[in-house]
Structures are given as C-alpha cells and as structure tokens.
Amino acid sequence: MNDTLKKYLTTDHAARIQSLRLTDAWKKGLAHQDLPAEISQLLGELSAACVLLAGNIKFDGSIILQVQGTGAVSLMMVECSSTLDLRATAHIKEDSTFPAGITLQQLMNADGKGRFTVMLDPEKRAEGVGLYQGVVPLEGDTVAQALEHYMKHSEQLDTRLWLAADAEHCAGLMLQRMPSAENSSAQTARRHTEAEDATWNHCLTLAGTITPRELLGLDPDALIHRLFWQDDLLSFTGQAVRWHCSCSRDRVASMLRNLGQAEIESILAEQGHVHIDCHFCGKPYEFDAVDCAALFVDTRNQIPAPGSPLVH
C-alpha cells in the first residue's frame, strides 16, 4: 500500500496513531532535485512529518514546515495541502560537503540562530489577513526532535514522531495524545485519567521499538499490526498522497513574457535557448527560439486558417 496515510485511534480515544510510507510520490519529488543523500534523508523526514500533520488540519488549505539556518543548508521547506498534495525543496550552499552522520544542528544551526517554523495557509483568506505562523528556535539533532519541540512549546500537544527516509521511501509514525474525554472543561482539559495515562504510556512503549528499517520496509497497516497486534484499534480509511508542484509550462511562459521580448532575445543570442528550473521542485523547462517567438505573438489579431474553429 504505497503513498497512503492511515489513521488509527485507541478504543478509549486517549491516543491518535498515524502511519505513512511514500514511494512513488517521494521518487517523483526527488526526480529533478540533485540532493546529497544526507540532505534528501532530512528532507524526506520533514516531508513525512508534514503529511502526518496535514492529515489533521480542519480547513481547506496547506501546512508548511520550514527549517532555516546559516549552515551548509540554508532552507528546507515542505508544503502539504489538506488534500495531501505534497511538495518539498532544500537550498544548499555551493561547494558544501556532507560527512556521514552529520546532524540537523551541524547542517543548519552551527551559530544557534536556526529557526523552525510552522505555517497554516487557508485556501480562503480574507484580504489583508496573513497566514498563521509559529516560530521556535531550532532544537534537536533530528527532524523528529525539532518538530516535537515545536509541538510541545507552541501547540502544547503531546506528540511523538518516528521518521525515516532514503532514496526509495520516506515514512513516519506519529502518536498524539488526545484531550481527556472525562475532563473537558477549560480548567481541566489537560488532566488525564490514570487509564488514559496508561494507554498513552503503552503506545509510547510499543512505538519506541520501531526501527528505521521497519518504517521504510512496511506499509502502514503492516507496521501498525507489527506494533499493536494485541490492541483493538479503531481504523479509518486511508488517504492517498501525491507529489504536486504548482509549476507548469504556462506559468513559466507567463514569467518569460514579463521579462520582455528584448531580454528573451538577449538570452537566446547568448545561449541559443532559454532554460528555467522550477525554484521549488527543480523541474526543467526548455524554450527554443520558436517557442520564445510564440510567446510574443498577439493571437488576438491573427486571422484563423481556413477550416479552423473560431474561438469566442
């Protein structure tokens, strides 16, 4: 079961469990991004975490996870919509080297100024209203630790993450502690019963046995069965995840028109073609001399060829 987010709930509703493994979507995401293995691993872990969180947002829109720093990697950013359309990118400084075992802190936070940001971008925002943004210092040597730190200090929601990624897959398991069912008033909402505490600790113990190899090698249902085979969990229908960047040839063409015909002709004279890579996903777009000439043809004043349909 590739590219599917699965959700489960303990029968006492004390804990939510989510499991994810991406294969086709992740390979498509890496297809045009020439990233070192250490960076694609971190970006894959951030991508898995973003999908896990996006599965819980209650509005039409997107969640964006962004890690910024001044090290060899200046930016990692992942966006996932409420319909689980995913895209991700990383910006690397030229001539950087990445020794095996290098940590998130060494890559992005050597000077202690790194930041972890979570943004919520509703599809329908009122004019003049910005997106919600939560920012915390970049803490922890892994993506999972950084996000757990954010959730604890900004969302005050007990969250544990296990993440893994390689060139073939990115995967994740997330546990979240649900508000107490018995103590629902504002003053007692975070107090849990002994039974709920026991369920949470039980889930943490089982999930803590998972290995990166199992995360990458098992589909979500098989992984959950491996961990919770003695528990009667509530299971929900899986949600498909796909890689989707908003770039397109038409958008690139529009950008080239905005540069102006003189600028485009100058590029053609120097290079013989115009080459544009999407700044987000890296997908290449090529425009030769004929393509570029067509950009500046005013089709409104052209006479249709005999037999061609009129467009109104």
Protein backbone atom coordinates (compact mmCIF):
# COMPACT_ATOMS: atom_id res chain seq x y z
CA MET A 1 0.00 0.00 0.00
CA ASN A 2 2.13 2.88 -1.31
CA ASP A 3 1.59 6.61 -0.79
CA THR A 4 -1.17 6.24 1.79
CA LEU A 5 -1.72 7.94 5.13
CA LYS A 6 -3.52 5.70 7.63
CA LYS A 7 -5.12 6.85 10.89
CA TYR A 8 -5.99 4.83 13.97
CA LEU A 9 -7.46 5.61 17.37
CA THR A 10 -7.26 3.72 20.62
CA THR A 11 -10.65 2.49 21.75
CA ASP A 12 -10.65 4.82 24.77
CA HIS A 13 -9.80 7.76 22.44
CA ALA A 14 -6.74 8.54 24.54
CA ALA A 15 -4.25 8.43 21.67
CA ARG A 16 -4.26 9.02 17.93
CA ILE A 17 -1.86 6.97 15.78
CA GLN A 18 -0.91 7.81 12.20
CA SER A 19 1.33 5.88 9.84
CA LEU A 20 2.67 6.80 6.43
CA ARG A 21 5.02 5.46 3.77
CA LEU A 22 5.60 7.24 0.45
CA THR A 23 7.19 5.55 -2.56
CA ASP A 24 6.00 6.89 -5.94
CA ALA A 25 5.34 10.40 -4.64
CA TRP A 26 8.77 10.57 -2.99
CA LYS A 27 10.61 9.33 -6.07
CA LYS A 28 8.76 11.89 -8.17
CA GLY A 29 9.73 14.58 -5.71
CA LEU A 30 13.42 13.71 -5.96
CA ALA A 31 13.42 13.25 -9.74
CA HIS A 32 14.55 16.82 -10.54
CA GLN A 33 16.39 17.63 -7.30
CA ASP A 34 20.06 16.67 -7.21
CA LEU A 35 20.45 16.38 -3.44
CA PRO A 36 23.19 14.64 -1.43
CA ALA A 37 21.93 11.53 0.37
CA GLU A 38 22.20 13.20 3.79
CA ILE A 39 20.02 16.12 2.67
CA SER A 40 17.41 14.02 0.85
CA GLN A 41 17.09 11.94 4.03
CA LEU A 42 16.37 15.01 6.15
CA LEU A 43 14.02 16.45 3.53
CA GLY A 44 12.21 13.11 3.33
CA GLU A 45 11.77 13.04 7.10
CA LEU A 46 10.41 16.60 7.03
CA SER A 47 8.08 15.61 4.18
CA ALA A 48 6.71 12.62 6.08
CA ALA A 49 6.16 14.80 9.16
CA CYS A 50 4.33 17.44 7.10
CA VAL A 51 1.93 14.87 5.62
CA LEU A 52 1.25 13.41 9.07
CA LEU A 53 0.32 16.87 10.38
CA ALA A 54 -1.65 17.84 7.26
CA GLY A 55 -3.88 14.83 7.78
CA ASN A 56 -5.33 16.58 10.84
CA ILE A 57 -5.94 20.13 9.66
CA LYS A 58 -9.60 21.16 9.74
CA PHE A 59 -9.66 23.64 6.87
CA ASP A 60 -9.09 23.76 3.12
CA GLY A 61 -5.52 24.92 2.67
CA SER A 62 -1.96 23.90 3.41
CA ILE A 63 0.50 23.36 6.21
CA ILE A 64 4.10 24.45 5.62
CA LEU A 65 7.10 23.27 7.62
CA GLN A 66 10.22 25.38 7.22
CA VAL A 67 13.69 25.00 8.72
CA GLN A 68 16.04 27.94 8.25
CA GLY A 69 19.66 28.36 9.24
CA THR A 70 23.03 29.77 8.24
CA GLY A 71 24.88 26.49 7.70
CA ALA A 72 25.55 24.46 4.56
CA VAL A 73 21.78 24.06 4.15
CA SER A 74 20.08 27.44 4.39
CA LEU A 75 16.50 26.25 3.93
CA MET A 76 14.36 23.14 3.92
CA MET A 77 10.69 23.67 3.21
CA VAL A 78 7.77 21.28 2.73
CA GLU A 79 4.16 22.11 1.90
CA CYS A 80 1.24 19.68 2.11
CA SER A 81 -2.38 20.56 1.39
CA SER A 82 -5.48 19.33 3.18
CA THR A 83 -5.99 17.02 0.17
CA LEU A 84 -2.44 15.67 0.77
CA ASP A 85 -0.76 17.21 -2.27
CA LEU A 86 2.91 17.42 -1.33
CA ARG A 87 5.97 19.35 -2.49
CA ALA A 88 9.37 19.91 -0.89
CA THR A 89 12.68 21.66 -1.53
CA ALA A 90 16.09 22.29 0.02
CA HIS A 91 18.56 25.11 -0.66
CA ILE A 92 22.22 24.16 -0.35
CA LYS A 93 25.22 26.47 -0.38
CA GLU A 94 27.69 25.83 -3.18
CA ASP A 95 30.79 23.73 -2.50
CA SER A 96 29.34 22.33 0.73
CA THR A 97 30.37 18.88 1.94
CA PHE A 98 28.28 16.50 4.00
CA PRO A 99 30.15 13.87 6.02
CA ALA A 100 28.25 10.74 7.03
CA GLY A 101 26.38 11.11 10.30
CA ILE A 102 26.12 14.89 10.15
CA THR A 103 23.23 16.17 12.28
CA LEU A 104 20.49 18.71 11.65
CA GLN A 105 22.17 21.10 14.09
CA GLN A 106 25.54 20.86 12.33
CA LEU A 107 23.92 21.44 8.94
CA MET A 108 21.68 24.36 9.79
CA ASN A 109 22.31 25.73 13.27
CA ALA A 110 26.03 25.96 13.97
CA ASP A 111 25.62 29.56 15.18
CA GLY A 112 22.49 28.88 17.24
CA LYS A 113 20.30 31.13 15.10
CA GLY A 114 18.35 28.41 13.30
CA ARG A 115 14.55 28.55 13.36
CA PHE A 116 11.77 26.01 12.94
CA THR A 117 8.56 27.48 11.53
CA VAL A 118 5.10 26.01 11.07
CA MET A 119 2.68 27.94 8.85
CA LEU A 120 -1.01 27.37 8.20
CA ASP A 121 -2.26 28.80 4.91
CA PRO A 122 -6.06 28.61 4.49
CA GLU A 123 -7.23 28.46 0.89
CA LYS A 124 -9.73 31.24 1.53
CA ARG A 125 -8.05 34.01 3.48
CA ALA A 126 -9.70 37.38 3.99
CA GLU A 127 -7.97 40.22 2.16
CA GLY A 128 -5.11 41.60 4.23
CA VAL A 129 -5.05 38.61 6.58
CA GLY A 130 -1.71 36.83 6.74
CA LEU A 131 -1.18 33.15 7.26
CA TYR A 132 -0.78 31.76 10.78
CA GLN A 133 2.88 31.36 11.68
CA GLY A 134 4.53 29.78 14.71
CA VAL A 135 8.30 30.08 15.14
CA VAL A 136 10.59 28.42 17.69
CA PRO A 137 14.37 28.03 17.97
CA LEU A 138 15.72 25.01 16.11
CA GLU A 139 16.20 22.37 18.81
CA GLY A 140 17.24 18.71 18.50
CA ASP A 141 19.57 16.78 16.24
CA THR A 142 16.78 15.26 14.14
CA VAL A 143 13.68 16.48 12.31
CA ALA A 144 11.52 14.47 14.73
CA GLN A 145 13.09 16.15 17.77
CA ALA A 146 12.75 19.61 16.22
CA LEU A 147 9.06 19.11 15.49
CA GLU A 148 8.35 17.55 18.89
CA HIS A 149 9.94 20.63 20.47
CA TYR A 150 7.68 22.87 18.40
CA MET A 151 4.51 20.92 19.24
CA LYS A 152 5.31 20.95 22.95
CA HIS A 153 6.08 24.66 23.20
CA SER A 154 3.71 26.13 20.60
CA GLU A 155 0.75 23.77 20.38
CA GLN A 156 1.01 22.28 23.89
CA LEU A 157 0.10 18.94 22.39
CA ASP A 158 1.93 15.76 23.40
CA THR A 159 3.33 14.45 20.11
CA ARG A 160 5.93 11.78 19.35
CA LEU A 161 7.38 11.11 15.92
CA TRP A 162 9.47 8.37 14.32
CA LEU A 163 10.71 9.33 10.84
CA ALA A 164 12.92 7.74 8.19
CA ALA A 165 13.82 8.34 4.55
CA ASP A 166 16.13 7.10 1.80
CA ALA A 167 16.19 7.32 -1.99
CA GLU A 168 13.23 4.92 -2.32
CA HIS A 169 10.84 5.84 0.50
CA CYS A 170 10.04 8.36 3.18
CA ALA A 171 7.96 7.20 6.12
CA GLY A 172 6.71 8.20 9.52
CA LEU A 173 4.75 7.18 12.59
CA MET A 174 3.09 9.78 14.81
CA LEU A 175 1.44 9.47 18.20
CA GLN A 176 -0.63 12.30 19.60
CA ARG A 177 -2.26 12.41 22.99
CA MET A 178 -5.92 13.38 22.76
CA PRO A 179 -7.61 15.73 25.25
CA SER A 180 -9.14 13.89 28.17
CA ALA A 181 -12.66 12.68 27.47
CA GLU A 182 -13.70 12.95 31.13
CA ASN A 183 -12.17 16.35 31.94
CA SER A 184 -13.35 18.58 29.13
CA SER A 185 -13.66 21.98 30.84
CA ALA A 186 -11.09 24.66 30.05
CA GLN A 187 -9.55 24.37 33.54
CA THR A 188 -9.10 20.59 33.42
CA ALA A 189 -8.75 19.88 29.72
CA ARG A 190 -5.14 18.73 30.07
CA ARG A 191 -5.68 16.47 33.08
CA HIS A 192 -5.88 12.83 32.12
CA THR A 193 -7.25 9.86 33.99
CA GLU A 194 -5.00 7.04 35.15
CA ALA A 195 -6.49 4.83 32.43
CA GLU A 196 -5.68 7.41 29.75
CA ASP A 197 -2.16 7.78 31.13
CA ALA A 198 -1.76 4.01 30.95
CA THR A 199 -2.92 3.94 27.30
CA TRP A 200 -0.52 6.72 26.32
CA ASN A 201 2.44 5.10 28.02
CA HIS A 202 1.54 1.74 26.48
CA CYS A 203 1.51 3.27 22.98
CA LEU A 204 4.82 5.05 23.60
CA THR A 205 6.44 1.81 24.74
CA LEU A 206 5.30 -0.12 21.67
CA ALA A 207 6.12 2.63 19.18
CA GLY A 208 9.54 3.07 20.75
CA THR A 209 10.55 -0.36 19.45
CA ILE A 210 10.21 0.62 15.79
CA THR A 211 13.35 0.79 13.65
CA PRO A 212 14.04 2.92 10.54
CA ARG A 213 14.28 -0.30 8.51
CA GLU A 214 10.74 -1.29 9.54
CA LEU A 215 9.39 2.21 8.84
CA LEU A 216 10.81 2.10 5.31
CA GLY A 217 10.06 -1.55 4.62
CA LEU A 218 6.47 -2.00 5.85
CA ASP A 219 3.26 -0.44 4.58
CA PRO A 220 1.17 1.40 7.21
CA ASP A 221 -1.22 -1.44 8.03
CA ALA A 222 1.61 -3.97 8.32
CA LEU A 223 3.58 -1.61 10.54
CA ILE A 224 0.65 -1.00 12.88
CA HIS A 225 -0.05 -4.75 13.07
CA ARG A 226 3.61 -5.34 13.91
CA LEU A 227 3.41 -2.87 16.81
CA PHE A 228 -0.16 -3.11 18.10
CA TRP A 229 -1.23 -6.65 17.20
CA GLN A 230 -2.63 -7.21 20.69
CA ASP A 231 -4.65 -3.98 20.72
CA ASP A 232 -8.11 -3.40 19.28
CA LEU A 233 -7.61 -0.10 17.42
CA LEU A 234 -10.20 1.88 15.51
CA SER A 235 -9.02 2.08 11.89
CA PHE A 236 -10.00 4.75 9.36
CA THR A 237 -9.98 4.74 5.56
CA GLY A 238 -6.57 5.60 4.13
CA GLN A 239 -5.91 8.88 2.33
CA ALA A 240 -3.88 8.95 -0.89
CA VAL A 241 -0.83 11.23 -1.03
CA ARG A 242 0.60 12.61 -4.27
CA TRP A 243 3.52 14.81 -5.27
CA HIS A 244 2.24 18.03 -6.80
CA CYS A 245 4.13 21.24 -7.55
CA SER A 246 2.17 24.21 -8.88
CA CYS A 247 4.77 24.95 -11.56
CA SER A 248 3.75 24.49 -15.21
CA ARG A 249 4.97 25.39 -18.69
CA ASP A 250 2.21 28.01 -18.95
CA ARG A 251 3.36 29.70 -15.74
CA VAL A 252 6.95 29.74 -16.92
CA ALA A 253 5.83 31.18 -20.26
CA SER A 254 3.97 33.94 -18.45
CA MET A 255 7.09 34.76 -16.43
CA LEU A 256 9.18 34.94 -19.60
CA ARG A 257 6.68 37.33 -21.20
CA ASN A 258 7.01 39.57 -18.17
CA LEU A 259 10.77 39.72 -18.73
CA GLY A 260 10.09 41.28 -22.12
CA GLN A 261 10.98 40.37 -25.68
CA ALA A 262 14.29 42.25 -25.67
CA GLU A 263 15.55 40.35 -22.61
CA ILE A 264 14.48 36.99 -24.03
CA GLU A 265 16.15 37.70 -27.37
CA SER A 266 19.33 38.64 -25.50
CA ILE A 267 19.31 35.27 -23.70
CA LEU A 268 18.69 33.44 -26.98
CA ALA A 269 21.58 35.26 -28.65
CA GLU A 270 23.90 34.23 -25.83
CA GLN A 271 22.71 30.69 -25.10
CA GLY A 272 20.60 29.59 -28.08
CA HIS A 273 17.70 28.65 -25.79
CA VAL A 274 16.06 29.60 -22.50
CA HIS A 275 16.37 27.11 -19.66
CA ILE A 276 14.34 27.54 -16.47
CA ASP A 277 14.29 25.23 -13.44
CA CYS A 278 11.38 25.47 -11.01
CA HIS A 279 12.87 27.06 -7.91
CA PHE A 280 10.78 24.73 -5.75
CA CYS A 281 10.82 21.25 -7.28
CA GLY A 282 13.66 21.64 -9.79
CA LYS A 283 11.62 20.55 -12.83
CA PRO A 284 13.31 21.87 -16.00
CA TYR A 285 11.57 23.85 -18.74
CA GLU A 286 13.21 24.48 -22.13
CA PHE A 287 12.20 27.15 -24.67
CA ASP A 288 13.91 27.26 -28.06
CA ALA A 289 13.85 30.19 -30.50
CA VAL A 290 10.50 29.14 -31.98
CA ASP A 291 8.94 28.72 -28.53
CA CYS A 292 10.19 32.16 -27.49
CA ALA A 293 8.90 33.82 -30.64
CA ALA A 294 5.46 32.35 -29.99
CA LEU A 295 5.43 33.98 -26.53
CA PHE A 296 5.12 37.42 -28.07
CA VAL A 297 2.71 36.69 -30.90
CA ASP A 298 -0.58 38.57 -30.44
CA THR A 299 -3.04 35.82 -31.38
CA ARG A 300 -5.99 38.18 -30.94
CA ASN A 301 -5.30 39.84 -34.31
CA GLN A 302 -4.47 36.72 -36.27
CA ILE A 303 -6.85 35.53 -38.98
CA PRO A 304 -7.84 31.88 -38.40
CA ALA A 305 -6.61 29.43 -41.00
CA PRO A 306 -9.27 28.04 -43.39
CA GLY A 307 -11.26 25.31 -41.69
CA SER A 308 -10.04 26.12 -38.18
CA PRO A 309 -12.66 26.61 -35.46
CA LEU A 310 -13.36 30.11 -34.22
CA VAL A 311 -12.72 30.67 -30.53
CA HIS A 312 -15.05 33.06 -28.72
